[in-house]
PDB file of all heavy atoms in Angstrom:
ATOM      1  N   SER A   1       7.723   6.610 -10.143  1.00  0.00           N
ATOM      2  CA  SER A   1       7.103   6.288  -8.855  1.00  0.00           C
ATOM      3  C   SER A   1       5.617   5.999  -8.998  1.00  0.00           C
ATOM      4  O   SER A   1       4.937   6.561  -9.848  1.00  0.00           O
ATOM      5  CB  SER A   1       7.270   7.447  -7.875  1.00  0.00           C
ATOM      6  OG  SER A   1       8.627   7.703  -7.633  1.00  0.00           O
ATOM      7  N   ALA A   2       5.144   5.122  -8.130  1.00  0.00           N
ATOM      8  CA  ALA A   2       3.716   4.839  -8.029  1.00  0.00           C
ATOM      9  C   ALA A   2       3.334   4.964  -6.557  1.00  0.00           C
ATOM     10  O   ALA A   2       3.968   4.371  -5.690  1.00  0.00           O
ATOM     11  CB  ALA A   2       3.395   3.448  -8.546  1.00  0.00           C
ATOM     12  N   ASP A   3       2.326   5.761  -6.282  1.00  0.00           N
ATOM     13  CA  ASP A   3       1.849   5.969  -4.920  1.00  0.00           C
ATOM     14  C   ASP A   3       0.574   5.145  -4.734  1.00  0.00           C
ATOM     15  O   ASP A   3      -0.406   5.339  -5.455  1.00  0.00           O
ATOM     16  CB  ASP A   3       1.570   7.450  -4.676  1.00  0.00           C
ATOM     17  CG  ASP A   3       1.193   7.740  -3.248  1.00  0.00           C
ATOM     18  OD1 ASP A   3       1.726   7.075  -2.341  1.00  0.00           O
ATOM     19  OD2 ASP A   3       0.357   8.639  -3.026  1.00  0.00           O
ATOM     20  N   PHE A   4       0.620   4.194  -3.799  1.00  0.00           N
ATOM     21  CA  PHE A   4      -0.512   3.333  -3.500  1.00  0.00           C
ATOM     22  C   PHE A   4      -1.182   3.848  -2.227  1.00  0.00           C
ATOM     23  O   PHE A   4      -0.575   3.826  -1.159  1.00  0.00           O
ATOM     24  CB  PHE A   4      -0.062   1.883  -3.309  1.00  0.00           C
ATOM     25  CG  PHE A   4       0.480   1.266  -4.562  1.00  0.00           C
ATOM     26  CD1 PHE A   4       1.816   1.410  -4.909  1.00  0.00           C
ATOM     27  CD2 PHE A   4      -0.349   0.552  -5.398  1.00  0.00           C
ATOM     28  CE1 PHE A   4       2.322   0.836  -6.066  1.00  0.00           C
ATOM     29  CE2 PHE A   4       0.139  -0.020  -6.563  1.00  0.00           C
ATOM     30  CZ  PHE A   4       1.480   0.129  -6.892  1.00  0.00           C
ATOM     31  N   ARG A   5      -2.411   4.310  -2.342  1.00  0.00           N
ATOM     32  CA  ARG A   5      -3.162   4.838  -1.201  1.00  0.00           C
ATOM     33  C   ARG A   5      -4.293   3.872  -0.864  1.00  0.00           C
ATOM     34  O   ARG A   5      -5.171   3.625  -1.692  1.00  0.00           O
ATOM     35  CB  ARG A   5      -3.740   6.204  -1.531  1.00  0.00           C
ATOM     36  CG  ARG A   5      -2.668   7.216  -1.862  1.00  0.00           C
ATOM     37  CD  ARG A   5      -3.270   8.546  -2.223  1.00  0.00           C
ATOM     38  NE  ARG A   5      -2.250   9.406  -2.803  1.00  0.00           N
ATOM     39  CZ  ARG A   5      -2.513  10.390  -3.639  1.00  0.00           C
ATOM     40  NH1 ARG A   5      -3.753  10.649  -3.982  1.00  0.00           N
ATOM     41  NH2 ARG A   5      -1.537  11.114  -4.131  1.00  0.00           N
ATOM     42  N   LYS A   6      -4.243   3.356   0.346  1.00  0.00           N
ATOM     43  CA  LYS A   6      -5.258   2.382   0.756  1.00  0.00           C
ATOM     44  C   LYS A   6      -6.619   3.049   0.868  1.00  0.00           C
ATOM     45  O   LYS A   6      -6.768   4.068   1.517  1.00  0.00           O
ATOM     46  CB  LYS A   6      -4.874   1.751   2.093  1.00  0.00           C
ATOM     47  CG  LYS A   6      -5.867   0.708   2.570  1.00  0.00           C
ATOM     48  CD  LYS A   6      -5.412   0.032   3.837  1.00  0.00           C
ATOM     49  CE  LYS A   6      -5.561   0.990   4.990  1.00  0.00           C
ATOM     50  NZ  LYS A   6      -5.303   0.392   6.286  1.00  0.00           N
ATOM     51  N   VAL A   7      -7.605   2.439   0.238  1.00  0.00           N
ATOM     52  CA  VAL A   7      -8.997   2.846   0.383  1.00  0.00           C
ATOM     53  C   VAL A   7      -9.635   1.945   1.428  1.00  0.00           C
ATOM     54  O   VAL A   7     -10.262   2.407   2.369  1.00  0.00           O
ATOM     55  CB  VAL A   7      -9.757   2.760  -0.956  1.00  0.00           C
ATOM     56  CG1 VAL A   7     -11.229   3.077  -0.772  1.00  0.00           C
ATOM     57  CG2 VAL A   7      -9.112   3.670  -1.988  1.00  0.00           C
ATOM     58  N   GLU A   8      -9.408   0.620   1.249  1.00  0.00           N
ATOM     59  CA  GLU A   8      -9.931  -0.357   2.202  1.00  0.00           C
ATOM     60  C   GLU A   8      -9.152  -1.653   2.011  1.00  0.00           C
ATOM     61  O   GLU A   8      -8.947  -2.104   0.892  1.00  0.00           O
ATOM     62  CB  GLU A   8     -11.417  -0.606   1.939  1.00  0.00           C
ATOM     63  CG  GLU A   8     -12.045  -1.570   2.904  1.00  0.00           C
ATOM     64  CD  GLU A   8     -13.539  -1.727   2.648  1.00  0.00           C
ATOM     65  OE1 GLU A   8     -14.053  -1.203   1.656  1.00  0.00           O
ATOM     66  OE2 GLU A   8     -14.173  -2.392   3.463  1.00  0.00           O
ATOM     67  N   ASP A   9      -8.702  -2.241   3.114  1.00  0.00           N
ATOM     68  CA  ASP A   9      -8.017  -3.533   3.049  1.00  0.00           C
ATOM     69  C   ASP A   9      -8.056  -4.171   4.426  1.00  0.00           C
ATOM     70  O   ASP A   9      -7.462  -3.663   5.368  1.00  0.00           O
ATOM     71  CB  ASP A   9      -6.571  -3.373   2.578  1.00  0.00           C
ATOM     72  CG  ASP A   9      -5.964  -4.675   2.097  1.00  0.00           C
ATOM     73  OD1 ASP A   9      -6.513  -5.752   2.420  1.00  0.00           O
ATOM     74  OD2 ASP A   9      -4.951  -4.628   1.396  1.00  0.00           O
ATOM     75  N   GLU A  10      -8.762  -5.279   4.549  1.00  0.00           N
ATOM     76  CA  GLU A  10      -8.874  -5.994   5.817  1.00  0.00           C
ATOM     77  C   GLU A  10      -7.643  -6.840   6.117  1.00  0.00           C
ATOM     78  O   GLU A  10      -7.454  -7.283   7.244  1.00  0.00           O
ATOM     79  CB  GLU A  10     -10.125  -6.884   5.809  1.00  0.00           C
ATOM     80  CG  GLU A  10     -11.423  -6.107   5.713  1.00  0.00           C
ATOM     81  CD  GLU A  10     -11.626  -5.173   6.895  1.00  0.00           C
ATOM     82  OE1 GLU A  10     -11.329  -5.559   8.044  1.00  0.00           O
ATOM     83  OE2 GLU A  10     -12.071  -4.040   6.668  1.00  0.00           O
ATOM     84  N   ASN A  11      -6.800  -7.065   5.107  1.00  0.00           N
ATOM     85  CA  ASN A  11      -5.581  -7.842   5.313  1.00  0.00           C
ATOM     86  C   ASN A  11      -4.504  -6.900   5.853  1.00  0.00           C
ATOM     87  O   ASN A  11      -3.847  -6.184   5.107  1.00  0.00           O
ATOM     88  CB  ASN A  11      -5.133  -8.492   4.005  1.00  0.00           C
ATOM     89  CG  ASN A  11      -3.907  -9.353   4.176  1.00  0.00           C
ATOM     90  OD1 ASN A  11      -3.036  -9.060   4.973  1.00  0.00           O
ATOM     91  ND2 ASN A  11      -3.844 -10.422   3.414  1.00  0.00           N
ATOM     92  N   ARG A  12      -4.310  -6.895   7.168  1.00  0.00           N
ATOM     93  CA  ARG A  12      -3.368  -5.963   7.795  1.00  0.00           C
ATOM     94  C   ARG A  12      -1.941  -6.210   7.344  1.00  0.00           C
ATOM     95  O   ARG A  12      -1.162  -5.278   7.193  1.00  0.00           O
ATOM     96  CB  ARG A  12      -3.479  -6.036   9.312  1.00  0.00           C
ATOM     97  CG  ARG A  12      -4.807  -5.492   9.823  1.00  0.00           C
ATOM     98  CD  ARG A  12      -4.849  -5.487  11.336  1.00  0.00           C
ATOM     99  NE  ARG A  12      -3.684  -4.859  11.926  1.00  0.00           N
ATOM    100  CZ  ARG A  12      -3.594  -3.566  12.237  1.00  0.00           C
ATOM    101  NH1 ARG A  12      -4.603  -2.779  11.993  1.00  0.00           N
ATOM    102  NH2 ARG A  12      -2.500  -3.083  12.783  1.00  0.00           N
ATOM    103  N   TRP A  13      -1.564  -7.473   7.154  1.00  0.00           N
ATOM    104  CA  TRP A  13      -0.200  -7.786   6.712  1.00  0.00           C
ATOM    105  C   TRP A  13       0.071  -7.091   5.386  1.00  0.00           C
ATOM    106  O   TRP A  13       1.075  -6.430   5.209  1.00  0.00           O
ATOM    107  CB  TRP A  13      -0.032  -9.299   6.554  1.00  0.00           C
ATOM    108  CG  TRP A  13       1.380  -9.728   6.344  1.00  0.00           C
ATOM    109  CD1 TRP A  13       2.233 -10.205   7.294  1.00  0.00           C
ATOM    110  CD2 TRP A  13       2.122  -9.729   5.114  1.00  0.00           C
ATOM    111  NE1 TRP A  13       3.457 -10.501   6.734  1.00  0.00           N
ATOM    112  CE2 TRP A  13       3.406 -10.212   5.388  1.00  0.00           C
ATOM    113  CE3 TRP A  13       1.825  -9.363   3.815  1.00  0.00           C
ATOM    114  CZ2 TRP A  13       4.391 -10.345   4.424  1.00  0.00           C
ATOM    115  CZ3 TRP A  13       2.806  -9.478   2.846  1.00  0.00           C
ATOM    116  CH2 TRP A  13       4.066  -9.969   3.154  1.00  0.00           C
ATOM    117  N   ARG A  14      -0.840  -7.231   4.446  1.00  0.00           N
ATOM    118  CA  ARG A  14      -0.677  -6.616   3.123  1.00  0.00           C
ATOM    119  C   ARG A  14      -0.754  -5.098   3.225  1.00  0.00           C
ATOM    120  O   ARG A  14       0.072  -4.384   2.650  1.00  0.00           O
ATOM    121  CB  ARG A  14      -1.744  -7.160   2.176  1.00  0.00           C
ATOM    122  CG  ARG A  14      -1.622  -6.640   0.755  1.00  0.00           C
ATOM    123  CD  ARG A  14      -2.635  -7.274  -0.174  1.00  0.00           C
ATOM    124  NE  ARG A  14      -3.997  -7.054   0.309  1.00  0.00           N
ATOM    125  CZ  ARG A  14      -5.000  -7.888   0.076  1.00  0.00           C
ATOM    126  NH1 ARG A  14      -4.821  -8.985  -0.611  1.00  0.00           N
ATOM    127  NH2 ARG A  14      -6.202  -7.621   0.544  1.00  0.00           N
ATOM    128  N   ALA A  15      -1.717  -4.597   3.958  1.00  0.00           N
ATOM    129  CA  ALA A  15      -1.906  -3.149   4.060  1.00  0.00           C
ATOM    130  C   ALA A  15      -0.692  -2.462   4.683  1.00  0.00           C
ATOM    131  O   ALA A  15      -0.285  -1.393   4.238  1.00  0.00           O
ATOM    132  CB  ALA A  15      -3.158  -2.838   4.875  1.00  0.00           C
ATOM    133  N   ASP A  16      -0.100  -3.066   5.694  1.00  0.00           N
ATOM    134  CA  ASP A  16       1.064  -2.472   6.356  1.00  0.00           C
ATOM    135  C   ASP A  16       2.270  -2.398   5.438  1.00  0.00           C
ATOM    136  O   ASP A  16       3.150  -1.569   5.632  1.00  0.00           O
ATOM    137  CB  ASP A  16       1.445  -3.268   7.603  1.00  0.00           C
ATOM    138  CG  ASP A  16       0.463  -3.090   8.737  1.00  0.00           C
ATOM    139  OD1 ASP A  16      -0.383  -2.172   8.665  1.00  0.00           O
ATOM    140  OD2 ASP A  16       0.537  -3.873   9.699  1.00  0.00           O
ATOM    141  N   ARG A  17       2.352  -3.262   4.441  1.00  0.00           N
ATOM    142  CA  ARG A  17       3.524  -3.324   3.578  1.00  0.00           C
ATOM    143  C   ARG A  17       3.303  -2.736   2.193  1.00  0.00           C
ATOM    144  O   ARG A  17       4.246  -2.406   1.497  1.00  0.00           O
ATOM    145  CB  ARG A  17       3.981  -4.777   3.441  1.00  0.00           C
ATOM    146  CG  ARG A  17       4.574  -5.285   4.721  1.00  0.00           C
ATOM    147  CD  ARG A  17       4.605  -6.798   4.773  1.00  0.00           C
ATOM    148  NE  ARG A  17       5.217  -7.278   5.994  1.00  0.00           N
ATOM    149  CZ  ARG A  17       4.589  -7.372   7.154  1.00  0.00           C
ATOM    150  NH1 ARG A  17       3.331  -7.013   7.250  1.00  0.00           N
ATOM    151  NH2 ARG A  17       5.215  -7.826   8.219  1.00  0.00           N
ATOM    152  N   PHE A  18       2.072  -2.613   1.759  1.00  0.00           N
ATOM    153  CA  PHE A  18       1.786  -2.241   0.381  1.00  0.00           C
ATOM    154  C   PHE A  18       1.576  -0.738   0.201  1.00  0.00           C
ATOM    155  O   PHE A  18       2.012  -0.164  -0.777  1.00  0.00           O
ATOM    156  CB  PHE A  18       0.549  -3.009  -0.099  1.00  0.00           C
ATOM    157  CG  PHE A  18       0.446  -3.091  -1.587  1.00  0.00           C
ATOM    158  CD1 PHE A  18       1.220  -3.986  -2.290  1.00  0.00           C
ATOM    159  CD2 PHE A  18      -0.426  -2.275  -2.280  1.00  0.00           C
ATOM    160  CE1 PHE A  18       1.140  -4.069  -3.666  1.00  0.00           C
ATOM    161  CE2 PHE A  18      -0.523  -2.345  -3.656  1.00  0.00           C
ATOM    162  CZ  PHE A  18       0.261  -3.245  -4.349  1.00  0.00           C
ATOM    163  N   GLU A  19       0.912  -0.119   1.172  1.00  0.00           N
ATOM    164  CA  GLU A  19       0.580   1.299   1.040  1.00  0.00           C
ATOM    165  C   GLU A  19       1.844   2.151   1.071  1.00  0.00           C
ATOM    166  O   GLU A  19       2.767   1.897   1.828  1.00  0.00           O
ATOM    167  CB  GLU A  19      -0.358   1.726   2.168  1.00  0.00           C
ATOM    168  CG  GLU A  19      -0.844   3.149   2.026  1.00  0.00           C
ATOM    169  CD  GLU A  19      -1.873   3.512   3.064  1.00  0.00           C
ATOM    170  OE1 GLU A  19      -1.848   2.968   4.169  1.00  0.00           O
ATOM    171  OE2 GLU A  19      -2.715   4.338   2.747  1.00  0.00           O
ATOM    172  N   GLY A  20       1.888   3.154   0.204  1.00  0.00           N
ATOM    173  CA  GLY A  20       3.015   4.073   0.175  1.00  0.00           C
ATOM    174  C   GLY A  20       3.526   4.269  -1.237  1.00  0.00           C
ATOM    175  O   GLY A  20       2.917   3.845  -2.220  1.00  0.00           O
ATOM    176  N   THR A  21       4.679   4.904  -1.340  1.00  0.00           N
ATOM    177  CA  THR A  21       5.275   5.199  -2.643  1.00  0.00           C
ATOM    178  C   THR A  21       6.309   4.142  -2.996  1.00  0.00           C
ATOM    179  O   THR A  21       7.188   3.831  -2.184  1.00  0.00           O
ATOM    180  CB  THR A  21       5.939   6.590  -2.636  1.00  0.00           C
ATOM    181  OG1 THR A  21       4.937   7.562  -2.315  1.00  0.00           O
ATOM    182  CG2 THR A  21       6.545   6.912  -3.979  1.00  0.00           C
ATOM    183  N   TRP A  22       6.172   3.594  -4.169  1.00  0.00           N
ATOM    184  CA  TRP A  22       7.106   2.611  -4.706  1.00  0.00           C
ATOM    185  C   TRP A  22       7.822   3.272  -5.884  1.00  0.00           C
ATOM    186  O   TRP A  22       7.202   3.915  -6.711  1.00  0.00           O
ATOM    187  CB  TRP A  22       6.359   1.379  -5.192  1.00  0.00           C
ATOM    188  CG  TRP A  22       5.710   0.592  -4.092  1.00  0.00           C
ATOM    189  CD1 TRP A  22       4.797   1.034  -3.169  1.00  0.00           C
ATOM    190  CD2 TRP A  22       5.925  -0.783  -3.794  1.00  0.00           C
ATOM    191  NE1 TRP A  22       4.428   0.026  -2.340  1.00  0.00           N
ATOM    192  CE2 TRP A  22       5.107  -1.122  -2.701  1.00  0.00           C
ATOM    193  CE3 TRP A  22       6.718  -1.772  -4.356  1.00  0.00           C
ATOM    194  CZ2 TRP A  22       5.075  -2.375  -2.157  1.00  0.00           C
ATOM    195  CZ3 TRP A  22       6.675  -3.043  -3.811  1.00  0.00           C
ATOM    196  CH2 TRP A  22       5.876  -3.338  -2.724  1.00  0.00           C
ATOM    197  N   THR A  23       9.140   3.095  -5.946  1.00  0.00           N
ATOM    198  CA  THR A  23       9.941   3.713  -6.991  1.00  0.00           C
ATOM    199  C   THR A  23      10.735   2.669  -7.749  1.00  0.00           C
ATOM    200  O   THR A  23      11.331   1.786  -7.124  1.00  0.00           O
ATOM    201  CB  THR A  23      10.903   4.755  -6.394  1.00  0.00           C
ATOM    202  OG1 THR A  23      10.148   5.709  -5.659  1.00  0.00           O
ATOM    203  CG2 THR A  23      11.692   5.466  -7.465  1.00  0.00           C
ATOM    204  N   SER A  24      10.741   2.786  -9.050  1.00  0.00           N
ATOM    205  CA  SER A  24      11.523   1.884  -9.897  1.00  0.00           C
ATOM    206  C   SER A  24      12.978   2.313  -9.888  1.00  0.00           C
ATOM    207  O   SER A  24      13.291   3.514  -9.900  1.00  0.00           O
ATOM    208  CB  SER A  24      10.987   1.916 -11.333  1.00  0.00           C
ATOM    209  OG  SER A  24      11.863   1.239 -12.181  1.00  0.00           O
TER     210      SER A  24
END
């Protein structure tokens, strides 16, 4: 697993979908 924690992202489309835990 990789946990992506947003620090800063003005692109709401990307931020809404990218942040969180991704599992292989």
